[in-house]
């Protein structure tokens, strides 16, 4: 299986929850250079919400 972890060369958002009893993990890298990781369901939910609202396609490809 391919490594789906985002990198500066392949920005994006990756979330994993291998089982219902395991905590979720997430990582995000934006084309603007911002990056973050989170562990735990609530923390990963906040990471996704923040990335969606402020990074990725939210501010276009200009890096601003």
N, C-alpha and C. Protein backbone atom coordinates (compact mmCIF):
# COMPACT_ATOMS: atom_id res chain seq x y z
N UNK A 1 0.83 -1.18 0.00
CA UNK A 1 0.00 0.00 0.00
C UNK A 1 0.88 1.24 0.00
N UNK A 2 0.47 2.23 -0.74
CA UNK A 2 1.23 3.48 -0.84
C UNK A 2 1.18 4.25 0.47
N UNK A 3 2.24 4.99 0.73
CA UNK A 3 2.26 5.87 1.89
C UNK A 3 1.41 7.10 1.58
N UNK A 4 0.36 7.31 2.35
CA UNK A 4 -0.57 8.41 2.10
C UNK A 4 -0.29 9.63 2.96
N UNK A 5 0.81 9.62 3.70
CA UNK A 5 1.15 10.74 4.56
C UNK A 5 1.47 11.96 3.70
N UNK A 6 0.83 13.10 3.96
CA UNK A 6 1.11 14.29 3.17
C UNK A 6 2.54 14.79 3.38
N UNK A 7 3.11 15.37 2.35
CA UNK A 7 4.45 15.95 2.39
C UNK A 7 4.40 17.30 1.69
N UNK A 8 5.44 18.12 1.80
CA UNK A 8 5.45 19.38 1.06
C UNK A 8 5.31 19.18 -0.45
N UNK A 9 5.82 18.08 -0.96
CA UNK A 9 5.69 17.79 -2.39
C UNK A 9 4.31 17.24 -2.75
N UNK A 10 3.62 16.65 -1.77
CA UNK A 10 2.27 16.11 -1.96
C UNK A 10 1.40 16.58 -0.80
N UNK A 11 1.01 17.85 -0.81
CA UNK A 11 0.21 18.37 0.31
C UNK A 11 -1.16 17.70 0.37
N UNK A 12 -1.72 17.72 1.55
CA UNK A 12 -3.06 17.15 1.73
C UNK A 12 -3.33 16.85 3.18
N UNK A 13 -4.36 16.06 3.36
CA UNK A 13 -4.85 15.71 4.70
C UNK A 13 -4.99 14.20 4.74
N UNK A 14 -4.47 13.57 5.79
CA UNK A 14 -4.60 12.12 5.94
C UNK A 14 -5.09 11.82 7.35
N UNK A 15 -6.14 11.01 7.44
CA UNK A 15 -6.70 10.59 8.72
C UNK A 15 -6.77 9.07 8.74
N UNK A 16 -6.43 8.48 9.88
CA UNK A 16 -6.48 7.03 10.03
C UNK A 16 -7.13 6.68 11.36
N UNK A 17 -7.94 5.65 11.34
CA UNK A 17 -8.53 5.10 12.57
C UNK A 17 -8.64 3.59 12.32
N UNK A 18 -7.60 2.85 12.69
CA UNK A 18 -7.52 1.45 12.32
C UNK A 18 -8.61 0.55 12.91
N UNK A 19 -9.18 0.96 14.03
CA UNK A 19 -10.27 0.18 14.62
C UNK A 19 -11.13 1.11 15.47
N UNK A 20 -12.36 0.70 15.77
CA UNK A 20 -13.24 1.55 16.57
C UNK A 20 -12.67 1.90 17.95
N UNK A 21 -11.82 1.05 18.48
CA UNK A 21 -11.27 1.28 19.82
C UNK A 21 -9.94 2.03 19.82
N UNK A 22 -9.35 2.21 18.64
CA UNK A 22 -8.07 2.90 18.54
C UNK A 22 -8.32 4.40 18.35
N UNK A 23 -7.42 5.23 18.87
CA UNK A 23 -7.59 6.67 18.63
C UNK A 23 -7.27 7.01 17.18
N UNK A 24 -7.95 7.99 16.66
CA UNK A 24 -7.67 8.46 15.31
C UNK A 24 -6.34 9.20 15.32
N UNK A 25 -5.66 9.19 14.18
CA UNK A 25 -4.47 9.99 13.98
C UNK A 25 -4.64 10.76 12.68
N UNK A 26 -4.04 11.92 12.62
CA UNK A 26 -4.16 12.71 11.41
C UNK A 26 -2.93 13.56 11.18
N UNK A 27 -2.69 13.85 9.92
CA UNK A 27 -1.61 14.77 9.56
C UNK A 27 -2.06 15.60 8.37
N UNK A 28 -1.57 16.81 8.33
CA UNK A 28 -1.92 17.72 7.25
C UNK A 28 -0.71 18.54 6.87
N UNK A 29 -0.55 18.75 5.57
CA UNK A 29 0.49 19.62 5.03
C UNK A 29 -0.17 20.44 3.93
N UNK A 30 0.00 21.74 4.00
CA UNK A 30 -0.58 22.64 3.01
C UNK A 30 0.50 23.09 2.03
N UNK A 31 0.10 23.45 0.84
CA UNK A 31 1.06 23.96 -0.14
C UNK A 31 1.68 25.27 0.29
N UNK A 32 1.09 25.96 1.29
CA UNK A 32 1.66 27.20 1.81
C UNK A 32 2.79 26.94 2.81
N UNK A 33 2.98 25.65 3.20
CA UNK A 33 4.04 25.30 4.12
C UNK A 33 3.56 24.95 5.52
N UNK A 34 2.31 25.23 5.84
CA UNK A 34 1.78 24.89 7.16
C UNK A 34 1.66 23.38 7.28
N UNK A 35 1.92 22.87 8.49
CA UNK A 35 1.76 21.44 8.72
C UNK A 35 1.35 21.21 10.16
N UNK A 36 0.65 20.09 10.39
CA UNK A 36 0.18 19.77 11.73
C UNK A 36 -0.11 18.28 11.82
N UNK A 37 -0.06 17.76 13.04
CA UNK A 37 -0.45 16.38 13.32
C UNK A 37 -1.36 16.39 14.53
N UNK A 38 -2.14 15.32 14.67
CA UNK A 38 -3.04 15.20 15.81
C UNK A 38 -3.25 13.73 16.13
N UNK A 39 -3.50 13.46 17.40
CA UNK A 39 -3.83 12.11 17.86
C UNK A 39 -5.03 12.22 18.79
N UNK A 40 -6.00 11.35 18.58
CA UNK A 40 -7.22 11.36 19.38
C UNK A 40 -8.37 11.87 18.53
N UNK A 41 -9.53 11.29 18.72
CA UNK A 41 -10.68 11.60 17.87
C UNK A 41 -11.03 13.09 17.85
N UNK A 42 -11.11 13.72 18.99
CA UNK A 42 -11.47 15.14 19.04
C UNK A 42 -10.39 16.02 18.44
N UNK A 43 -9.12 15.69 18.70
CA UNK A 43 -8.03 16.47 18.16
C UNK A 43 -7.96 16.35 16.64
N UNK A 44 -8.19 15.15 16.12
CA UNK A 44 -8.18 14.95 14.67
C UNK A 44 -9.36 15.67 14.03
N UNK A 45 -10.50 15.63 14.67
CA UNK A 45 -11.66 16.37 14.16
C UNK A 45 -11.33 17.86 14.06
N UNK A 46 -10.67 18.41 15.06
CA UNK A 46 -10.28 19.83 15.04
C UNK A 46 -9.24 20.09 13.94
N UNK A 47 -8.31 19.17 13.74
CA UNK A 47 -7.33 19.30 12.67
C UNK A 47 -8.02 19.37 11.32
N UNK A 48 -8.95 18.47 11.07
CA UNK A 48 -9.68 18.45 9.80
C UNK A 48 -10.46 19.75 9.61
N UNK A 49 -11.15 20.19 10.64
CA UNK A 49 -11.93 21.43 10.54
C UNK A 49 -11.02 22.63 10.27
N UNK A 50 -9.90 22.70 10.96
CA UNK A 50 -8.97 23.81 10.76
C UNK A 50 -8.33 23.79 9.39
N UNK A 51 -7.93 22.62 8.93
CA UNK A 51 -7.33 22.51 7.60
C UNK A 51 -8.34 22.88 6.52
N UNK A 52 -9.56 22.38 6.65
CA UNK A 52 -10.60 22.66 5.67
C UNK A 52 -10.94 24.15 5.62
N UNK A 53 -10.98 24.79 6.78
CA UNK A 53 -11.36 26.20 6.85
C UNK A 53 -10.23 27.15 6.44
N UNK A 54 -8.97 26.75 6.67
CA UNK A 54 -7.87 27.69 6.53
C UNK A 54 -6.78 27.30 5.54
N UNK A 55 -6.78 26.08 5.07
CA UNK A 55 -5.69 25.61 4.20
C UNK A 55 -6.27 24.83 3.04
N UNK A 56 -5.38 24.13 2.33
CA UNK A 56 -5.86 23.38 1.17
C UNK A 56 -6.45 24.33 0.16
N UNK A 57 -7.60 24.01 -0.33
CA UNK A 57 -8.25 24.86 -1.33
C UNK A 57 -8.87 26.11 -0.73
N UNK A 58 -8.88 26.23 0.62
CA UNK A 58 -9.51 27.39 1.27
C UNK A 58 -8.82 28.71 0.93
N UNK A 59 -7.52 28.69 0.64
CA UNK A 59 -6.84 29.94 0.33
C UNK A 59 -6.16 29.90 -1.03
N UNK A 60 -6.56 29.00 -1.88
CA UNK A 60 -6.05 28.95 -3.25
C UNK A 60 -4.62 28.49 -3.32
N UNK A 61 -4.07 28.52 -4.48
CA UNK A 61 -2.71 28.04 -4.72
C UNK A 61 -1.65 29.12 -4.60
N UNK A 62 -2.01 30.29 -4.14
CA UNK A 62 -1.03 31.38 -4.05
C UNK A 62 -0.14 31.24 -2.82
N UNK A 63 -0.52 30.37 -1.86
CA UNK A 63 0.27 30.22 -0.65
C UNK A 63 -0.02 31.28 0.38
N UNK A 64 -1.12 32.00 0.22
CA UNK A 64 -1.47 33.05 1.18
C UNK A 64 -2.73 32.70 1.92
